[in-house]
Amino acid sequence: MTATLTATLDAVRMMTPYDESPDTSWLEDQPEWADRLAAYRRDEFAFVGVYAEATLTVGGQRMVVTSPGLWGIEDDSGPEYLAEVYREELGELAHLLAPFGITLDDLTAAA
């Protein structure tokens, strides 16, 4: 006999932590990006990651599930781009939560 766990979606949110060890080789290897590299070294911008995080209650226990995320995004990319990445991450999160009966529509409604 297989037990079925009931999952309740409690919250969904976009996470944008700082990327502590970004790959800046693309800035370093291309002379046309010298000004941008200099700005990064002056701490005029930083790199972040974007991922979707869902909090669930499963069988009476609270759990957090996150999408893999996209890292190395310039933090001055603008809110529209960050929102676009987040929407893609919601799709990734939906795949992870499908076994719990949670859909992308559920995630979008809770976000």
PDB file of N, CA and C in Angstrom:
ATOM      1  N   MET A   1       0.836  -1.172   0.000  1.00  0.00           N
ATOM      2  CA  MET A   1       0.000   0.000   0.000  1.00  0.00           C
ATOM      3  C   MET A   1       0.888   1.245   0.000  1.00  0.00           C
ATOM      4  N   THR A   2       0.518   2.222  -0.830  1.00  0.00           N
ATOM      5  CA  THR A   2       1.276   3.456  -0.936  1.00  0.00           C
ATOM      6  C   THR A   2       0.537   4.579  -0.228  1.00  0.00           C
ATOM      7  N   ALA A   3       1.238   5.275   0.643  1.00  0.00           N
ATOM      8  CA  ALA A   3       0.630   6.402   1.352  1.00  0.00           C
ATOM      9  C   ALA A   3       0.728   7.653   0.494  1.00  0.00           C
ATOM     10  N   THR A   4      -0.304   8.454   0.501  1.00  0.00           N
ATOM     11  CA  THR A   4      -0.311   9.718  -0.220  1.00  0.00           C
ATOM     12  C   THR A   4      -0.234  10.840   0.795  1.00  0.00           C
ATOM     13  N   LEU A   5       0.765  11.688   0.634  1.00  0.00           N
ATOM     14  CA  LEU A   5       0.905  12.830   1.528  1.00  0.00           C
ATOM     15  C   LEU A   5       0.125  14.003   0.969  1.00  0.00           C
ATOM     16  N   THR A   6      -0.532  14.714   1.832  1.00  0.00           N
ATOM     17  CA  THR A   6      -1.247  15.916   1.434  1.00  0.00           C
ATOM     18  C   THR A   6      -0.332  17.102   1.672  1.00  0.00           C
ATOM     19  N   ALA A   7      -0.204  17.926   0.648  1.00  0.00           N
ATOM     20  CA  ALA A   7       0.634  19.114   0.761  1.00  0.00           C
ATOM     21  C   ALA A   7      -0.228  20.356   0.672  1.00  0.00           C
ATOM     22  N   THR A   8       0.087  21.306   1.533  1.00  0.00           N
ATOM     23  CA  THR A   8      -0.566  22.610   1.498  1.00  0.00           C
ATOM     24  C   THR A   8       0.500  23.640   1.173  1.00  0.00           C
ATOM     25  N   LEU A   9       0.240  24.444   0.153  1.00  0.00           N
ATOM     26  CA  LEU A   9       1.163  25.511  -0.232  1.00  0.00           C
ATOM     27  C   LEU A   9       0.923  26.695   0.693  1.00  0.00           C
ATOM     28  N   ASP A  10       1.928  27.050   1.478  1.00  0.00           N
ATOM     29  CA  ASP A  10       1.794  28.136   2.441  1.00  0.00           C
ATOM     30  C   ASP A  10       2.259  29.478   1.886  1.00  0.00           C
ATOM     31  N   ALA A  11       3.338  29.464   1.111  1.00  0.00           N
ATOM     32  CA  ALA A  11       3.880  30.721   0.594  1.00  0.00           C
ATOM     33  C   ALA A  11       4.807  30.441  -0.589  1.00  0.00           C
ATOM     34  N   VAL A  12       4.917  31.422  -1.467  1.00  0.00           N
ATOM     35  CA  VAL A  12       5.864  31.385  -2.583  1.00  0.00           C
ATOM     36  C   VAL A  12       6.482  32.769  -2.661  1.00  0.00           C
ATOM     37  N   ARG A  13       7.796  32.804  -2.844  1.00  0.00           N
ATOM     38  CA  ARG A  13       8.424  34.121  -2.960  1.00  0.00           C
ATOM     39  C   ARG A  13       9.674  34.069  -3.821  1.00  0.00           C
ATOM     40  N   MET A  14      10.000  35.223  -4.345  1.00  0.00           N
ATOM     41  CA  MET A  14      11.214  35.374  -5.136  1.00  0.00           C
ATOM     42  C   MET A  14      12.362  35.701  -4.188  1.00  0.00           C
ATOM     43  N   MET A  15      13.458  34.997  -4.365  1.00  0.00           N
ATOM     44  CA  MET A  15      14.646  35.219  -3.563  1.00  0.00           C
ATOM     45  C   MET A  15      15.738  35.778  -4.470  1.00  0.00           C
ATOM     46  N   THR A  16      16.454  36.790  -3.982  1.00  0.00           N
ATOM     47  CA  THR A  16      17.533  37.400  -4.770  1.00  0.00           C
ATOM     48  C   THR A  16      18.775  37.634  -3.895  1.00  0.00           C
ATOM     49  N   PRO A  17      19.383  36.562  -3.408  1.00  0.00           N
ATOM     50  CA  PRO A  17      20.580  36.734  -2.568  1.00  0.00           C
ATOM     51  C   PRO A  17      21.789  37.151  -3.400  1.00  0.00           C
ATOM     52  N   TYR A  18      22.740  37.781  -2.746  1.00  0.00           N
ATOM     53  CA  TYR A  18      23.984  38.134  -3.422  1.00  0.00           C
ATOM     54  C   TYR A  18      24.758  36.881  -3.792  1.00  0.00           C
ATOM     55  N   ASP A  19      25.353  36.908  -4.959  1.00  0.00           N
ATOM     56  CA  ASP A  19      26.200  35.818  -5.439  1.00  0.00           C
ATOM     57  C   ASP A  19      27.591  36.071  -4.863  1.00  0.00           C
ATOM     58  N   GLU A  20      27.975  35.272  -3.894  1.00  0.00           N
ATOM     59  CA  GLU A  20      29.237  35.481  -3.179  1.00  0.00           C
ATOM     60  C   GLU A  20      30.480  35.175  -4.012  1.00  0.00           C
ATOM     61  N   SER A  21      30.339  34.357  -5.041  1.00  0.00           N
ATOM     62  CA  SER A  21      31.507  34.026  -5.870  1.00  0.00           C
ATOM     63  C   SER A  21      31.098  33.971  -7.350  1.00  0.00           C
ATOM     64  N   PRO A  22      30.758  35.132  -7.905  1.00  0.00           N
ATOM     65  CA  PRO A  22      30.299  35.147  -9.295  1.00  0.00           C
ATOM     66  C   PRO A  22      31.439  34.871 -10.279  1.00  0.00           C
ATOM     67  N   ASP A  23      31.074  34.339 -11.423  1.00  0.00           N
ATOM     68  CA  ASP A  23      32.033  34.128 -12.510  1.00  0.00           C
ATOM     69  C   ASP A  23      32.112  35.430 -13.301  1.00  0.00           C
ATOM     70  N   THR A  24      33.203  36.149 -13.147  1.00  0.00           N
ATOM     71  CA  THR A  24      33.376  37.423 -13.857  1.00  0.00           C
ATOM     72  C   THR A  24      34.320  37.278 -15.046  1.00  0.00           C
ATOM     73  N   SER A  25      34.608  36.051 -15.432  1.00  0.00           N
ATOM     74  CA  SER A  25      35.569  35.837 -16.523  1.00  0.00           C
ATOM     75  C   SER A  25      35.127  36.496 -17.822  1.00  0.00           C
ATOM     76  N   TRP A  26      33.813  36.560 -18.056  1.00  0.00           N
ATOM     77  CA  TRP A  26      33.336  37.192 -19.285  1.00  0.00           C
ATOM     78  C   TRP A  26      33.649  38.685 -19.294  1.00  0.00           C
ATOM     79  N   LEU A  27      33.752  39.305 -18.120  1.00  0.00           N
ATOM     80  CA  LEU A  27      34.156  40.710 -18.045  1.00  0.00           C
ATOM     81  C   LEU A  27      35.665  40.858 -18.239  1.00  0.00           C
ATOM     82  N   GLU A  28      36.399  39.914 -17.695  1.00  0.00           N
ATOM     83  CA  GLU A  28      37.853  39.985 -17.724  1.00  0.00           C
ATOM     84  C   GLU A  28      38.437  39.638 -19.088  1.00  0.00           C
ATOM     85  N   ASP A  29      37.741  38.778 -19.829  1.00  0.00           N
ATOM     86  CA  ASP A  29      38.276  38.278 -21.100  1.00  0.00           C
ATOM     87  C   ASP A  29      37.942  39.138 -22.312  1.00  0.00           C
ATOM     88  N   GLN A  30      37.128  40.168 -22.127  1.00  0.00           N
ATOM     89  CA  GLN A  30      36.700  40.978 -23.265  1.00  0.00           C
ATOM     90  C   GLN A  30      37.030  42.445 -23.016  1.00  0.00           C
ATOM     91  N   PRO A  31      37.961  42.986 -23.792  1.00  0.00           N
ATOM     92  CA  PRO A  31      38.380  44.379 -23.584  1.00  0.00           C
ATOM     93  C   PRO A  31      37.234  45.390 -23.640  1.00  0.00           C
ATOM     94  N   GLU A  32      36.195  45.095 -24.424  1.00  0.00           N
ATOM     95  CA  GLU A  32      35.083  46.036 -24.530  1.00  0.00           C
ATOM     96  C   GLU A  32      34.269  46.150 -23.234  1.00  0.00           C
ATOM     97  N   TRP A  33      34.516  45.240 -22.287  1.00  0.00           N
ATOM     98  CA  TRP A  33      33.822  45.273 -21.007  1.00  0.00           C
ATOM     99  C   TRP A  33      34.710  45.817 -19.882  1.00  0.00           C
ATOM    100  N   ALA A  34      35.817  46.444 -20.228  1.00  0.00           N
ATOM    101  CA  ALA A  34      36.757  46.953 -19.223  1.00  0.00           C
ATOM    102  C   ALA A  34      36.094  47.957 -18.276  1.00  0.00           C
ATOM    103  N   ASP A  35      35.248  48.833 -18.805  1.00  0.00           N
ATOM    104  CA  ASP A  35      34.578  49.818 -17.947  1.00  0.00           C
ATOM    105  C   ASP A  35      33.636  49.127 -16.951  1.00  0.00           C
ATOM    106  N   ARG A  36      32.955  48.103 -17.416  1.00  0.00           N
ATOM    107  CA  ARG A  36      32.024  47.385 -16.542  1.00  0.00           C
ATOM    108  C   ARG A  36      32.780  46.624 -15.455  1.00  0.00           C
ATOM    109  N   LEU A  37      33.908  46.022 -15.826  1.00  0.00           N
ATOM    110  CA  LEU A  37      34.741  45.328 -14.848  1.00  0.00           C
ATOM    111  C   LEU A  37      35.260  46.311 -13.797  1.00  0.00           C
ATOM    112  N   ALA A  38      35.683  47.476 -14.244  1.00  0.00           N
ATOM    113  CA  ALA A  38      36.162  48.496 -13.308  1.00  0.00           C
ATOM    114  C   ALA A  38      35.039  48.920 -12.356  1.00  0.00           C
ATOM    115  N   ALA A  39      33.832  49.069 -12.875  1.00  0.00           N
ATOM    116  CA  ALA A  39      32.691  49.434 -12.027  1.00  0.00           C
ATOM    117  C   ALA A  39      32.421  48.344 -10.996  1.00  0.00           C
ATOM    118  N   TYR A  40      32.522  47.088 -11.403  1.00  0.00           N
ATOM    119  CA  TYR A  40      32.330  45.980 -10.470  1.00  0.00           C
ATOM    120  C   TYR A  40      33.394  46.017  -9.368  1.00  0.00           C
ATOM    121  N   ARG A  41      34.610  46.261  -9.748  1.00  0.00           N
ATOM    122  CA  ARG A  41      35.705  46.302  -8.768  1.00  0.00           C
ATOM    123  C   ARG A  41      35.576  47.488  -7.813  1.00  0.00           C
ATOM    124  N   ARG A  42      34.869  48.546  -8.247  1.00  0.00           N
ATOM    125  CA  ARG A  42      34.601  49.698  -7.369  1.00  0.00           C
ATOM    126  C   ARG A  42      33.332  49.488  -6.553  1.00  0.00           C
ATOM    127  N   ASP A  43      32.772  48.299  -6.614  1.00  0.00           N
ATOM    128  CA  ASP A  43      31.537  47.956  -5.890  1.00  0.00           C
ATOM    129  C   ASP A  43      30.344  48.813  -6.311  1.00  0.00           C
ATOM    130  N   GLU A  44      30.311  49.200  -7.582  1.00  0.00           N
ATOM    131  CA  GLU A  44      29.177  49.977  -8.083  1.00  0.00           C
ATOM    132  C   GLU A  44      27.986  49.084  -8.414  1.00  0.00           C
ATOM    133  N   PHE A  45      28.230  47.814  -8.544  1.00  0.00           N
ATOM    134  CA  PHE A  45      27.161  46.844  -8.697  1.00  0.00           C
ATOM    135  C   PHE A  45      27.668  45.510  -8.186  1.00  0.00           C
ATOM    136  N   ALA A  46      26.751  44.595  -7.999  1.00  0.00           N
ATOM    137  CA  ALA A  46      27.100  43.253  -7.520  1.00  0.00           C
ATOM    138  C   ALA A  46      26.330  42.240  -8.365  1.00  0.00           C
ATOM    139  N   PHE A  47      26.571  40.988  -8.087  1.00  0.00           N
ATOM    140  CA  PHE A  47      25.854  39.916  -8.768  1.00  0.00           C
ATOM    141  C   PHE A  47      24.919  39.229  -7.778  1.00  0.00           C
ATOM    142  N   VAL A  48      23.777  38.796  -8.283  1.00  0.00           N
ATOM    143  CA  VAL A  48      22.794  38.111  -7.454  1.00  0.00           C
ATOM    144  C   VAL A  48      22.350  36.828  -8.143  1.00  0.00           C
ATOM    145  N   GLY A  49      21.656  36.031  -7.395  1.00  0.00           N
ATOM    146  CA  GLY A  49      20.958  34.879  -7.945  1.00  0.00           C
ATOM    147  C   GLY A  49      19.473  35.130  -7.804  1.00  0.00           C
ATOM    148  N   VAL A  50      18.688  34.486  -8.638  1.00  0.00           N
ATOM    149  CA  VAL A  50      17.230  34.573  -8.533  1.00  0.00           C
ATOM    150  C   VAL A  50      16.697  33.149  -8.500  1.00  0.00           C
ATOM    151  N   TYR A  51      15.904  32.855  -7.476  1.00  0.00           N
ATOM    152  CA  TYR A  51      15.236  31.561  -7.429  1.00  0.00           C
ATOM    153  C   TYR A  51      13.875  31.714  -6.772  1.00  0.00           C
ATOM    154  N   ALA A  52      13.027  30.720  -7.002  1.00  0.00           N
ATOM    155  CA  ALA A  52      11.700  30.688  -6.411  1.00  0.00           C
ATOM    156  C   ALA A  52      11.730  29.749  -5.210  1.00  0.00           C
ATOM    157  N   GLU A  53      11.091  30.165  -4.144  1.00  0.00           N
ATOM    158  CA  GLU A  53      11.052  29.380  -2.911  1.00  0.00           C
ATOM    159  C   GLU A  53       9.601  29.160  -2.501  1.00  0.00           C
ATOM    160  N   ALA A  54       9.257  27.925  -2.254  1.00  0.00           N
ATOM    161  CA  ALA A  54       7.907  27.584  -1.782  1.00  0.00           C
ATOM    162  C   ALA A  54       8.010  26.988  -0.390  1.00  0.00           C
ATOM    163  N   THR A  55       7.110  27.396   0.471  1.00  0.00           N
ATOM    164  CA  THR A  55       6.981  26.804   1.801  1.00  0.00           C
ATOM    165  C   THR A  55       5.703  25.971   1.793  1.00  0.00           C
ATOM    166  N   LEU A  56       5.850  24.715   2.189  1.00  0.00           N
ATOM    167  CA  LEU A  56       4.733  23.765   2.185  1.00  0.00           C
ATOM    168  C   LEU A  56       4.551  23.175   3.569  1.00  0.00           C
ATOM    169  N   THR A  57       3.358  22.674   3.798  1.00  0.00           N
ATOM    170  CA  THR A  57       3.125  21.821   4.946  1.00  0.00           C
ATOM    171  C   THR A  57       2.761  20.458   4.372  1.00  0.00           C
ATOM    172  N   VAL A  58       3.562  19.465   4.713  1.00  0.00           N
ATOM    173  CA  VAL A  58       3.379  18.111   4.195  1.00  0.00           C
ATOM    174  C   VAL A  58       3.316  17.161   5.382  1.00  0.00           C
ATOM    175  N   GLY A  59       2.198  16.474   5.509  1.00  0.00           N
ATOM    176  CA  GLY A  59       2.047  15.530   6.615  1.00  0.00           C
ATOM    177  C   GLY A  59       2.291  16.163   7.964  1.00  0.00           C
ATOM    178  N   GLY A  60       1.887  17.413   8.119  1.00  0.00           N
ATOM    179  CA  GLY A  60       2.064  18.117   9.386  1.00  0.00           C
ATOM    180  C   GLY A  60       3.438  18.731   9.578  1.00  0.00           C
ATOM    181  N   GLN A  61       4.352  18.506   8.632  1.00  0.00           N
ATOM    182  CA  GLN A  61       5.702  19.051   8.736  1.00  0.00           C
ATOM    183  C   GLN A  61       5.878  20.184   7.732  1.00  0.00           C
ATOM    184  N   ARG A  62       6.572  21.202   8.126  1.00  0.00           N
ATOM    185  CA  ARG A  62       6.870  22.324   7.238  1.00  0.00           C
ATOM    186  C   ARG A  62       8.128  22.009   6.445  1.00  0.00           C
ATOM    187  N   MET A  63       8.092  22.325   5.143  1.00  0.00           N
ATOM    188  CA  MET A  63       9.288  22.132   4.327  1.00  0.00           C
ATOM    189  C   MET A  63       9.408  23.270   3.336  1.00  0.00           C
ATOM    190  N   VAL A  64      10.641  23.523   2.910  1.00  0.00           N
ATOM    191  CA  VAL A  64      10.938  24.560   1.932  1.00  0.00           C
ATOM    192  C   VAL A  64      11.533  23.878   0.713  1.00  0.00           C
ATOM    193  N   VAL A  65      11.011  24.218  -0.457  1.00  0.00           N
ATOM    194  CA  VAL A  65      11.510  23.689  -1.722  1.00  0.00           C
ATOM    195  C   VAL A  65      11.897  24.882  -2.578  1.00  0.00           C
ATOM    196  N   THR A  66      13.078  24.809  -3.194  1.00  0.00           N
ATOM    197  CA  THR A  66      13.536  25.912  -4.028  1.00  0.00           C
ATOM    198  C   THR A  66      13.855  25.429  -5.438  1.00  0.00           C
ATOM    199  N   SER A  67      13.705  26.331  -6.390  1.00  0.00           N
ATOM    200  CA  SER A  67      14.149  26.059  -7.754  1.00  0.00           C
ATOM    201  C   SER A  67      15.668  26.166  -7.779  1.00  0.00           C
ATOM    202  N   PRO A  68      16.315  25.637  -8.808  1.00  0.00           N
ATOM    203  CA  PRO A  68      17.777  25.708  -8.862  1.00  0.00           C
ATOM    204  C   PRO A  68      18.316  27.137  -8.900  1.00  0.00           C
ATOM    205  N   GLY A  69      17.614  28.019  -9.567  1.00  0.00           N
ATOM    206  CA  GLY A  69      18.026  29.415  -9.636  1.00  0.00           C
ATOM    207  C   GLY A  69      18.959  29.709 -10.796  1.00  0.00           C
ATOM    208  N   LEU A  70      19.021  30.965 -11.103  1.00  0.00           N
ATOM    209  CA  LEU A  70      19.962  31.489 -12.093  1.00  0.00           C
ATOM    210  C   LEU A  70      20.853  32.458 -11.348  1.00  0.00           C
ATOM    211  N   TRP A  71      22.159  32.268 -11.478  1.00  0.00           N
ATOM    212  CA  TRP A  71      23.122  33.052 -10.711  1.00  0.00           C
ATOM    213  C   TRP A  71      23.983  33.893 -11.637  1.00  0.00           C
ATOM    214  N   GLY A  72      24.662  34.875 -11.054  1.00  0.00           N
ATOM    215  CA  GLY A  72      25.548  35.735 -11.834  1.00  0.00           C
ATOM    216  C   GLY A  72      24.800  36.832 -12.571  1.00  0.00           C
ATOM    217  N   ILE A  73      23.659  37.240 -12.039  1.00  0.00           N
ATOM    218  CA  ILE A  73      22.877  38.314 -12.640  1.00  0.00           C
ATOM    219  C   ILE A  73      23.319  39.637 -12.022  1.00  0.00           C
ATOM    220  N   GLU A  74      23.568  40.617 -12.862  1.00  0.00           N
ATOM    221  CA  GLU A  74      23.952  41.935 -12.352  1.00  0.00           C
ATOM    222  C   GLU A  74      22.776  42.553 -11.611  1.00  0.00           C
ATOM    223  N   ASP A  75      23.025  43.034 -10.398  1.00  0.00           N
ATOM    224  CA  ASP A  75      21.914  43.519  -9.575  1.00  0.00           C
ATOM    225  C   ASP A  75      21.280  44.803 -10.088  1.00  0.00           C
ATOM    226  N   ASP A  76      21.909  45.442 -11.063  1.00  0.00           N
ATOM    227  CA  ASP A  76      21.310  46.630 -11.673  1.00  0.00           C
ATOM    228  C   ASP A  76      20.642  46.304 -13.010  1.00  0.00           C
ATOM    229  N   SER A  77      20.305  45.028 -13.201  1.00  0.00           N
ATOM    230  CA  SER A  77      19.671  44.595 -14.447  1.00  0.00           C
ATOM    231  C   SER A  77      18.265  45.148 -14.616  1.00  0.00           C
ATOM    232  N   GLY A  78      17.635  45.536 -13.551  1.00  0.00           N
ATOM    233  CA  GLY A  78      16.289  46.094 -13.616  1.00  0.00           C
ATOM    234  C   GLY A  78      15.244  45.108 -13.149  1.00  0.00           C
ATOM    235  N   PRO A  79      14.160  45.620 -12.583  1.00  0.00           N
ATOM    236  CA  PRO A  79      13.128  44.752 -12.019  1.00  0.00           C
ATOM    237  C   PRO A  79      12.423  43.894 -13.072  1.00  0.00           C
ATOM    238  N   GLU A  80      12.312  44.389 -14.291  1.00  0.00           N
ATOM    239  CA  GLU A  80      11.633  43.612 -15.328  1.00  0.00           C
ATOM    240  C   GLU A  80      12.396  42.325 -15.631  1.00  0.00           C
ATOM    241  N   TYR A  81      13.727  42.424 -15.733  1.00  0.00           N
ATOM    242  CA  TYR A  81      14.521  41.237 -16.030  1.00  0.00           C
ATOM    243  C   TYR A  81      14.479  40.252 -14.861  1.00  0.00           C
ATOM    244  N   LEU A  82      14.603  40.767 -13.649  1.00  0.00           N
ATOM    245  CA  LEU A  82      14.547  39.888 -12.477  1.00  0.00           C
ATOM    246  C   LEU A  82      13.194  39.184 -12.410  1.00  0.00           C
ATOM    247  N   ALA A  83      12.113  39.886 -12.734  1.00  0.00           N
ATOM    248  CA  ALA A  83      10.783  39.273 -12.740  1.00  0.00           C
ATOM    249  C   ALA A  83      10.675  38.206 -13.827  1.00  0.00           C
ATOM    250  N   GLU A  84      11.308  38.439 -14.969  1.00  0.00           N
ATOM    251  CA  GLU A  84      11.306  37.442 -16.052  1.00  0.00           C
ATOM    252  C   GLU A  84      12.014  36.163 -15.616  1.00  0.00           C
ATOM    253  N   VAL A  85      13.165  36.318 -14.985  1.00  0.00           N
ATOM    254  CA  VAL A  85      13.906  35.150 -14.487  1.00  0.00           C
ATOM    255  C   VAL A  85      13.082  34.427 -13.434  1.00  0.00           C
ATOM    256  N   TYR A  86      12.437  35.179 -12.568  1.00  0.00           N
ATOM    257  CA  TYR A  86      11.607  34.576 -11.521  1.00  0.00           C
ATOM    258  C   TYR A  86      10.477  33.744 -12.122  1.00  0.00           C
ATOM    259  N   ARG A  87       9.833  34.248 -13.168  1.00  0.00           N
ATOM    260  CA  ARG A  87       8.765  33.491 -13.820  1.00  0.00           C
ATOM    261  C   ARG A  87       9.298  32.163 -14.359  1.00  0.00           C
ATOM    262  N   GLU A  88      10.495  32.189 -14.928  1.00  0.00           N
ATOM    263  CA  GLU A  88      11.109  30.946 -15.408  1.00  0.00           C
ATOM    264  C   GLU A  88      11.400  30.003 -14.240  1.00  0.00           C
ATOM    265  N   GLU A  89      11.847  30.550 -13.135  1.00  0.00           N
ATOM    266  CA  GLU A  89      12.135  29.739 -11.953  1.00  0.00           C
ATOM    267  C   GLU A  89      10.862  29.150 -11.345  1.00  0.00           C
ATOM    268  N   LEU A  90       9.745  29.868 -11.454  1.00  0.00           N
ATOM    269  CA  LEU A  90       8.471  29.305 -10.996  1.00  0.00           C
ATOM    270  C   LEU A  90       8.134  28.047 -11.785  1.00  0.00           C
ATOM    271  N   GLY A  91       8.425  28.059 -13.085  1.00  0.00           N
ATOM    272  CA  GLY A  91       8.203  26.864 -13.902  1.00  0.00           C
ATOM    273  C   GLY A  91       9.044  25.694 -13.429  1.00  0.00           C
ATOM    274  N   GLU A  92      10.305  25.969 -13.091  1.00  0.00           N
ATOM    275  CA  GLU A  92      11.183  24.925 -12.556  1.00  0.00           C
ATOM    276  C   GLU A  92      10.652  24.397 -11.224  1.00  0.00           C
ATOM    277  N   LEU A  93      10.199  25.311 -10.387  1.00  0.00           N
ATOM    278  CA  LEU A  93       9.663  24.918  -9.087  1.00  0.00           C
ATOM    279  C   LEU A  93       8.401  24.064  -9.253  1.00  0.00           C
ATOM    280  N   ALA A  94       7.586  24.391 -10.229  1.00  0.00           N
ATOM    281  CA  ALA A  94       6.363  23.618 -10.479  1.00  0.00           C
ATOM    282  C   ALA A  94       6.690  22.160 -10.793  1.00  0.00           C
ATOM    283  N   HIS A  95       7.772  21.928 -11.540  1.00  0.00           N
ATOM    284  CA  HIS A  95       8.180  20.549 -11.828  1.00  0.00           C
ATOM    285  C   HIS A  95       8.541  19.800 -10.548  1.00  0.00           C
ATOM    286  N   LEU A  96       9.219  20.489  -9.646  1.00  0.00           N
ATOM    287  CA  LEU A  96       9.624  19.855  -8.392  1.00  0.00           C
ATOM    288  C   LEU A  96       8.428  19.560  -7.487  1.00  0.00           C
ATOM    289  N   LEU A  97       7.389  20.383  -7.579  1.00  0.00           N
ATOM    290  CA  LEU A  97       6.244  20.249  -6.692  1.00  0.00           C
ATOM    291  C   LEU A  97       5.095  19.445  -7.289  1.00  0.00           C
ATOM    292  N   ALA A  98       5.207  19.079  -8.543  1.00  0.00           N
ATOM    293  CA  ALA A  98       4.138  18.312  -9.202  1.00  0.00           C
ATOM    294  C   ALA A  98       3.772  17.034  -8.440  1.00  0.00           C
ATOM    295  N   PRO A  99       4.747  16.281  -7.896  1.00  0.00           N
ATOM    296  CA  PRO A  99       4.375  15.074  -7.150  1.00  0.00           C
ATOM    297  C   PRO A  99       3.499  15.351  -5.921  1.00  0.00           C
ATOM    298  N   PHE A 100       3.504  16.593  -5.456  1.00  0.00           N
ATOM    299  CA  PHE A 100       2.671  16.966  -4.309  1.00  0.00           C
ATOM    300  C   PHE A 100       1.301  17.486  -4.754  1.00  0.00           C
ATOM    301  N   GLY A 101       1.064  17.495  -6.073  1.00  0.00           N
ATOM    302  CA  GLY A 101      -0.204  17.990  -6.601  1.00  0.00           C
ATOM    303  C   GLY A 101      -0.273  19.495  -6.717  1.00  0.00           C
ATOM    304  N   ILE A 102       0.868  20.162  -6.634  1.00  0.00           N
ATOM    305  CA  ILE A 102       0.914  21.617  -6.738  1.00  0.00           C
ATOM    306  C   ILE A 102       1.301  21.990  -8.167  1.00  0.00           C
ATOM    307  N   THR A 103       0.570  22.929  -8.753  1.00  0.00           N
ATOM    308  CA  THR A 103       0.769  23.316 -10.145  1.00  0.00           C
ATOM    309  C   THR A 103       1.358  24.714 -10.254  1.00  0.00           C
ATOM    310  N   LEU A 104       1.742  25.060 -11.472  1.00  0.00           N
ATOM    311  CA  LEU A 104       2.247  26.406 -11.739  1.00  0.00           C
ATOM    312  C   LEU A 104       1.160  27.446 -11.442  1.00  0.00           C
ATOM    313  N   ASP A 105      -0.084  27.116 -11.738  1.00  0.00           N
ATOM    314  CA  ASP A 105      -1.183  28.043 -11.408  1.00  0.00           C
ATOM    315  C   ASP A 105      -1.263  28.288  -9.906  1.00  0.00           C
ATOM    316  N   ASP A 106      -1.061  27.241  -9.120  1.00  0.00           N
ATOM    317  CA  ASP A 106      -1.066  27.389  -7.657  1.00  0.00           C
ATOM    318  C   ASP A 106       0.066  28.320  -7.218  1.00  0.00           C
ATOM    319  N   LEU A 107       1.244  28.116  -7.815  1.00  0.00           N
ATOM    320  CA  LEU A 107       2.415  28.913  -7.447  1.00  0.00           C
ATOM    321  C   LEU A 107       2.216  30.371  -7.832  1.00  0.00           C
ATOM    322  N   THR A 108       1.682  30.585  -9.029  1.00  0.00           N
ATOM    323  CA  THR A 108       1.483  31.946  -9.510  1.00  0.00           C
ATOM    324  C   THR A 108       0.448  32.675  -8.649  1.00  0.00           C
ATOM    325  N   ALA A 109      -0.605  31.974  -8.273  1.00  0.00           N
ATOM    326  CA  ALA A 109      -1.641  32.581  -7.445  1.00  0.00           C
ATOM    327  C   ALA A 109      -1.114  32.931  -6.064  1.00  0.00           C
ATOM    328  N   ALA A 110      -0.198  32.122  -5.536  1.00  0.00           N
ATOM    329  CA  ALA A 110       0.332  32.355  -4.189  1.00  0.00           C
ATOM    330  C   ALA A 110       1.444  33.392  -4.160  1.00  0.00           C
ATOM    331  N   ALA A 111       2.052  33.632  -5.316  1.00  0.00           N
ATOM    332  CA  ALA A 111       3.208  34.559  -5.365  1.00  0.00           C
ATOM    333  C   ALA A 111       2.787  35.988  -5.148  1.00  0.00           C
TER     334      ALA A 111
END
